[in-house]
Amino acid sequence: MLSYQSMSEKQSTYSALKLSFELGYTIAIPIVVLALVGRLLDKKFETSPWLLIAGILLSLVVASVGLVVKFGKILASMRLEEKNEQKDKDSEKQKNSYEEQQHT
């Protein structure tokens, strides 16, 4: 039987892996796609390497914006989780206080 802690550790590990894959794709996909598009356009218009460089620079901007958005979502979910935990603690305190008053 799995203990609560080992289940929590597995969930934490899964969350970390999920986050690293999401961030990796957020960075890698724009770089690969826009670099390839830049290379293809360089061949078509015979402007090598300028459109490739432009594609890479544009991909850095796109990846940076994607990371900012992802981090914003992560921070918002962490704040919400923290707020929910605080509500749970407050309601538990109220419950305990009410029970103590009932026993007195």
N, C-alpha and C. Protein backbone atom coordinates (compact mmCIF):
# COMPACT_ATOMS: atom_id res chain seq x y z
N MET A 1 0.84 -1.17 0.00
CA MET A 1 0.00 0.00 0.00
C MET A 1 0.89 1.24 0.00
N LEU A 2 0.51 2.24 -0.81
CA LEU A 2 1.29 3.46 -0.91
C LEU A 2 0.91 4.43 0.20
N SER A 3 1.92 5.04 0.77
CA SER A 3 1.63 6.03 1.80
C SER A 3 1.26 7.35 1.13
N TYR A 4 0.68 8.24 1.91
CA TYR A 4 0.29 9.55 1.39
C TYR A 4 1.51 10.30 0.85
N GLN A 5 2.61 10.21 1.57
CA GLN A 5 3.80 10.93 1.17
C GLN A 5 4.33 10.44 -0.17
N SER A 6 4.37 9.14 -0.38
CA SER A 6 4.90 8.64 -1.64
C SER A 6 3.97 9.00 -2.80
N MET A 7 2.66 9.02 -2.54
CA MET A 7 1.72 9.44 -3.58
C MET A 7 1.92 10.92 -3.88
N SER A 8 2.15 11.71 -2.85
CA SER A 8 2.39 13.14 -3.03
C SER A 8 3.68 13.38 -3.81
N GLU A 9 4.71 12.60 -3.48
CA GLU A 9 5.98 12.72 -4.19
C GLU A 9 5.82 12.35 -5.66
N LYS A 10 5.06 11.29 -5.94
CA LYS A 10 4.84 10.89 -7.33
C LYS A 10 4.07 11.97 -8.08
N GLN A 11 3.08 12.56 -7.43
CA GLN A 11 2.31 13.62 -8.06
C GLN A 11 3.21 14.83 -8.32
N SER A 12 4.07 15.13 -7.37
CA SER A 12 4.99 16.25 -7.52
C SER A 12 5.97 15.99 -8.67
N THR A 13 6.47 14.77 -8.75
CA THR A 13 7.38 14.41 -9.84
C THR A 13 6.68 14.51 -11.18
N TYR A 14 5.44 14.01 -11.24
CA TYR A 14 4.66 14.09 -12.47
C TYR A 14 4.45 15.54 -12.87
N SER A 15 4.11 16.39 -11.92
CA SER A 15 3.89 17.81 -12.20
C SER A 15 5.16 18.47 -12.72
N ALA A 16 6.30 18.13 -12.13
CA ALA A 16 7.57 18.70 -12.57
C ALA A 16 7.91 18.25 -13.99
N LEU A 17 7.69 16.97 -14.29
CA LEU A 17 7.95 16.47 -15.64
C LEU A 17 7.02 17.12 -16.65
N LYS A 18 5.76 17.24 -16.29
CA LYS A 18 4.79 17.88 -17.17
C LYS A 18 5.20 19.31 -17.47
N LEU A 19 5.59 20.04 -16.44
CA LEU A 19 6.01 21.43 -16.61
C LEU A 19 7.25 21.52 -17.50
N SER A 20 8.22 20.66 -17.29
CA SER A 20 9.44 20.72 -18.10
C SER A 20 9.16 20.41 -19.57
N PHE A 21 8.26 19.46 -19.84
CA PHE A 21 7.90 19.17 -21.23
C PHE A 21 7.16 20.36 -21.84
N GLU A 22 6.24 20.95 -21.11
CA GLU A 22 5.50 22.11 -21.62
C GLU A 22 6.44 23.26 -21.94
N LEU A 23 7.37 23.54 -21.04
CA LEU A 23 8.30 24.63 -21.26
C LEU A 23 9.25 24.31 -22.42
N GLY A 24 9.67 23.05 -22.51
CA GLY A 24 10.53 22.64 -23.62
C GLY A 24 9.86 22.84 -24.96
N TYR A 25 8.60 22.42 -25.05
CA TYR A 25 7.87 22.59 -26.30
C TYR A 25 7.60 24.06 -26.59
N THR A 26 7.36 24.83 -25.56
CA THR A 26 7.11 26.26 -25.75
C THR A 26 8.33 26.95 -26.35
N ILE A 27 9.50 26.46 -26.02
CA ILE A 27 10.73 27.04 -26.55
C ILE A 27 11.11 26.40 -27.90
N ALA A 28 11.05 25.08 -27.99
CA ALA A 28 11.58 24.37 -29.15
C ALA A 28 10.74 24.53 -30.42
N ILE A 29 9.42 24.42 -30.28
CA ILE A 29 8.56 24.44 -31.47
C ILE A 29 8.69 25.74 -32.25
N PRO A 30 8.59 26.92 -31.62
CA PRO A 30 8.75 28.14 -32.42
C PRO A 30 10.13 28.24 -33.08
N ILE A 31 11.16 27.82 -32.37
CA ILE A 31 12.51 27.92 -32.94
C ILE A 31 12.64 27.03 -34.17
N VAL A 32 12.20 25.79 -34.07
CA VAL A 32 12.32 24.86 -35.20
C VAL A 32 11.46 25.33 -36.37
N VAL A 33 10.20 25.65 -36.10
CA VAL A 33 9.28 26.02 -37.19
C VAL A 33 9.73 27.30 -37.88
N LEU A 34 10.00 28.34 -37.11
CA LEU A 34 10.36 29.61 -37.73
C LEU A 34 11.75 29.58 -38.38
N ALA A 35 12.66 28.80 -37.85
CA ALA A 35 13.97 28.65 -38.50
C ALA A 35 13.81 27.92 -39.84
N LEU A 36 12.98 26.87 -39.86
CA LEU A 36 12.73 26.18 -41.12
C LEU A 36 12.03 27.07 -42.14
N VAL A 37 11.06 27.83 -41.69
CA VAL A 37 10.37 28.75 -42.60
C VAL A 37 11.36 29.78 -43.13
N GLY A 38 12.21 30.32 -42.27
CA GLY A 38 13.22 31.27 -42.71
C GLY A 38 14.17 30.66 -43.72
N ARG A 39 14.57 29.43 -43.48
CA ARG A 39 15.48 28.74 -44.42
C ARG A 39 14.82 28.51 -45.77
N LEU A 40 13.56 28.06 -45.74
CA LEU A 40 12.84 27.84 -47.00
C LEU A 40 12.66 29.14 -47.78
N LEU A 41 12.32 30.20 -47.06
CA LEU A 41 12.17 31.50 -47.73
C LEU A 41 13.51 32.02 -48.25
N ASP A 42 14.59 31.75 -47.53
CA ASP A 42 15.93 32.13 -48.03
C ASP A 42 16.23 31.43 -49.35
N LYS A 43 15.90 30.16 -49.45
CA LYS A 43 16.13 29.42 -50.70
C LYS A 43 15.28 29.98 -51.82
N LYS A 44 14.03 30.30 -51.49
CA LYS A 44 13.11 30.79 -52.52
C LYS A 44 13.53 32.16 -53.03
N PHE A 45 13.89 33.06 -52.13
CA PHE A 45 14.21 34.43 -52.52
C PHE A 45 15.72 34.69 -52.63
N GLU A 46 16.53 33.66 -52.40
CA GLU A 46 17.99 33.76 -52.48
C GLU A 46 18.52 34.90 -51.60
N THR A 47 18.09 34.88 -50.34
CA THR A 47 18.51 35.93 -49.40
C THR A 47 19.32 35.35 -48.24
N SER A 48 19.85 34.16 -48.41
CA SER A 48 20.52 33.46 -47.33
C SER A 48 21.61 34.32 -46.70
N PRO A 49 21.72 34.35 -45.45
CA PRO A 49 21.03 33.72 -44.33
C PRO A 49 20.04 34.65 -43.61
N TRP A 50 19.65 35.75 -44.26
CA TRP A 50 18.92 36.81 -43.56
C TRP A 50 17.54 36.39 -43.06
N LEU A 51 16.79 35.67 -43.84
CA LEU A 51 15.46 35.25 -43.39
C LEU A 51 15.55 34.15 -42.33
N LEU A 52 16.59 33.34 -42.43
CA LEU A 52 16.83 32.35 -41.37
C LEU A 52 17.10 33.06 -40.04
N ILE A 53 17.95 34.06 -40.08
CA ILE A 53 18.26 34.82 -38.87
C ILE A 53 17.01 35.52 -38.36
N ALA A 54 16.23 36.11 -39.26
CA ALA A 54 14.99 36.78 -38.86
C ALA A 54 14.02 35.78 -38.23
N GLY A 55 13.95 34.59 -38.81
CA GLY A 55 13.08 33.55 -38.25
C GLY A 55 13.51 33.14 -36.86
N ILE A 56 14.80 33.01 -36.65
CA ILE A 56 15.31 32.65 -35.33
C ILE A 56 15.03 33.76 -34.32
N LEU A 57 15.27 35.00 -34.72
CA LEU A 57 15.00 36.12 -33.81
C LEU A 57 13.51 36.21 -33.48
N LEU A 58 12.66 36.04 -34.49
CA LEU A 58 11.22 36.06 -34.26
C LEU A 58 10.82 34.91 -33.33
N SER A 59 11.44 33.75 -33.52
CA SER A 59 11.11 32.60 -32.67
C SER A 59 11.50 32.85 -31.21
N LEU A 60 12.58 33.59 -30.99
CA LEU A 60 12.97 33.93 -29.62
C LEU A 60 11.92 34.83 -28.97
N VAL A 61 11.38 35.76 -29.75
CA VAL A 61 10.32 36.63 -29.23
C VAL A 61 9.07 35.80 -28.92
N VAL A 62 8.67 34.94 -29.87
CA VAL A 62 7.48 34.10 -29.69
C VAL A 62 7.65 33.18 -28.47
N ALA A 63 8.82 32.56 -28.35
CA ALA A 63 9.07 31.66 -27.22
C ALA A 63 9.07 32.43 -25.90
N SER A 64 9.63 33.63 -25.90
CA SER A 64 9.65 34.44 -24.68
C SER A 64 8.24 34.81 -24.25
N VAL A 65 7.41 35.23 -25.20
CA VAL A 65 6.03 35.57 -24.89
C VAL A 65 5.29 34.33 -24.38
N GLY A 66 5.52 33.19 -25.02
CA GLY A 66 4.90 31.94 -24.58
C GLY A 66 5.30 31.58 -23.16
N LEU A 67 6.56 31.78 -22.83
CA LEU A 67 7.03 31.49 -21.47
C LEU A 67 6.41 32.43 -20.45
N VAL A 68 6.31 33.70 -20.80
CA VAL A 68 5.70 34.67 -19.88
C VAL A 68 4.24 34.29 -19.62
N VAL A 69 3.53 33.90 -20.67
CA VAL A 69 2.13 33.50 -20.51
C VAL A 69 2.03 32.25 -19.63
N LYS A 70 2.87 31.25 -19.90
CA LYS A 70 2.84 30.02 -19.10
C LYS A 70 3.17 30.29 -17.64
N PHE A 71 4.21 31.09 -17.40
CA PHE A 71 4.57 31.40 -16.02
C PHE A 71 3.46 32.19 -15.32
N GLY A 72 2.79 33.07 -16.07
CA GLY A 72 1.66 33.79 -15.50
C GLY A 72 0.55 32.86 -15.07
N LYS A 73 0.26 31.87 -15.91
CA LYS A 73 -0.77 30.88 -15.56
C LYS A 73 -0.35 30.06 -14.35
N ILE A 74 0.92 29.68 -14.31
CA ILE A 74 1.42 28.88 -13.18
C ILE A 74 1.32 29.68 -11.89
N LEU A 75 1.74 30.95 -11.94
CA LEU A 75 1.67 31.78 -10.74
C LEU A 75 0.23 31.99 -10.29
N ALA A 76 -0.68 32.18 -11.25
CA ALA A 76 -2.09 32.37 -10.90
C ALA A 76 -2.65 31.11 -10.24
N SER A 77 -2.30 29.94 -10.77
CA SER A 77 -2.81 28.70 -10.17
C SER A 77 -2.20 28.48 -8.79
N MET A 78 -0.93 28.87 -8.61
CA MET A 78 -0.30 28.73 -7.29
C MET A 78 -0.98 29.66 -6.28
N ARG A 79 -1.29 30.88 -6.71
CA ARG A 79 -1.98 31.82 -5.82
C ARG A 79 -3.35 31.29 -5.44
N LEU A 80 -4.07 30.75 -6.42
CA LEU A 80 -5.40 30.21 -6.15
C LEU A 80 -5.31 29.03 -5.19
N GLU A 81 -4.34 28.15 -5.41
CA GLU A 81 -4.15 27.00 -4.53
C GLU A 81 -3.81 27.46 -3.11
N GLU A 82 -2.95 28.46 -3.01
CA GLU A 82 -2.58 29.00 -1.70
C GLU A 82 -3.80 29.62 -1.00
N LYS A 83 -4.61 30.33 -1.77
CA LYS A 83 -5.82 30.94 -1.22
C LYS A 83 -6.79 29.88 -0.74
N ASN A 84 -6.95 28.80 -1.51
CA ASN A 84 -7.83 27.70 -1.11
C ASN A 84 -7.32 27.01 0.15
N GLU A 85 -6.01 26.82 0.24
CA GLU A 85 -5.44 26.21 1.44
C GLU A 85 -5.68 27.09 2.66
N GLN A 86 -5.57 28.40 2.48
CA GLN A 86 -5.81 29.32 3.58
C GLN A 86 -7.27 29.27 4.01
N LYS A 87 -8.18 29.18 3.04
CA LYS A 87 -9.61 29.05 3.36
C LYS A 87 -9.88 27.77 4.14
N ASP A 88 -9.22 26.68 3.71
CA ASP A 88 -9.38 25.40 4.42
C ASP A 88 -8.89 25.51 5.86
N LYS A 89 -7.75 26.15 6.05
CA LYS A 89 -7.21 26.32 7.40
C LYS A 89 -8.14 27.17 8.25
N ASP A 90 -8.65 28.25 7.64
CA ASP A 90 -9.57 29.13 8.38
C ASP A 90 -10.85 28.41 8.76
N SER A 91 -11.40 27.63 7.83
CA SER A 91 -12.64 26.92 8.13
C SER A 91 -12.39 25.84 9.18
N GLU A 92 -11.22 25.22 9.17
CA GLU A 92 -10.88 24.22 10.18
C GLU A 92 -10.76 24.87 11.56
N LYS A 93 -10.15 26.06 11.60
CA LYS A 93 -10.05 26.79 12.86
C LYS A 93 -11.44 27.15 13.39
N GLN A 94 -12.31 27.60 12.51
CA GLN A 94 -13.67 27.95 12.91
C GLN A 94 -14.41 26.73 13.43
N LYS A 95 -14.23 25.62 12.75
CA LYS A 95 -14.89 24.38 13.16
C LYS A 95 -14.40 23.95 14.54
N ASN A 96 -13.09 23.99 14.73
CA ASN A 96 -12.52 23.63 16.04
C ASN A 96 -13.00 24.57 17.13
N SER A 97 -13.05 25.86 16.82
CA SER A 97 -13.52 26.84 17.79
C SER A 97 -14.99 26.59 18.14
N TYR A 98 -15.78 26.28 17.15
CA TYR A 98 -17.21 25.99 17.38
C TYR A 98 -17.38 24.74 18.24
N GLU A 99 -16.58 23.71 17.94
CA GLU A 99 -16.65 22.46 18.72
C GLU A 99 -16.24 22.70 20.18
N GLU A 100 -15.21 23.54 20.38
CA GLU A 100 -14.78 23.86 21.74
C GLU A 100 -15.87 24.60 22.51
N GLN A 101 -16.58 25.49 21.82
CA GLN A 101 -17.67 26.23 22.46
C GLN A 101 -18.82 25.30 22.81
N GLN A 102 -19.04 24.29 21.99
CA GLN A 102 -20.13 23.35 22.24
C GLN A 102 -19.81 22.48 23.45
N HIS A 103 -18.55 22.17 23.67
CA HIS A 103 -18.15 21.30 24.77
C HIS A 103 -18.05 22.06 26.10
N THR A 104 -18.01 23.35 26.01
CA THR A 104 -17.85 24.16 27.22
C THR A 104 -19.15 24.48 27.89
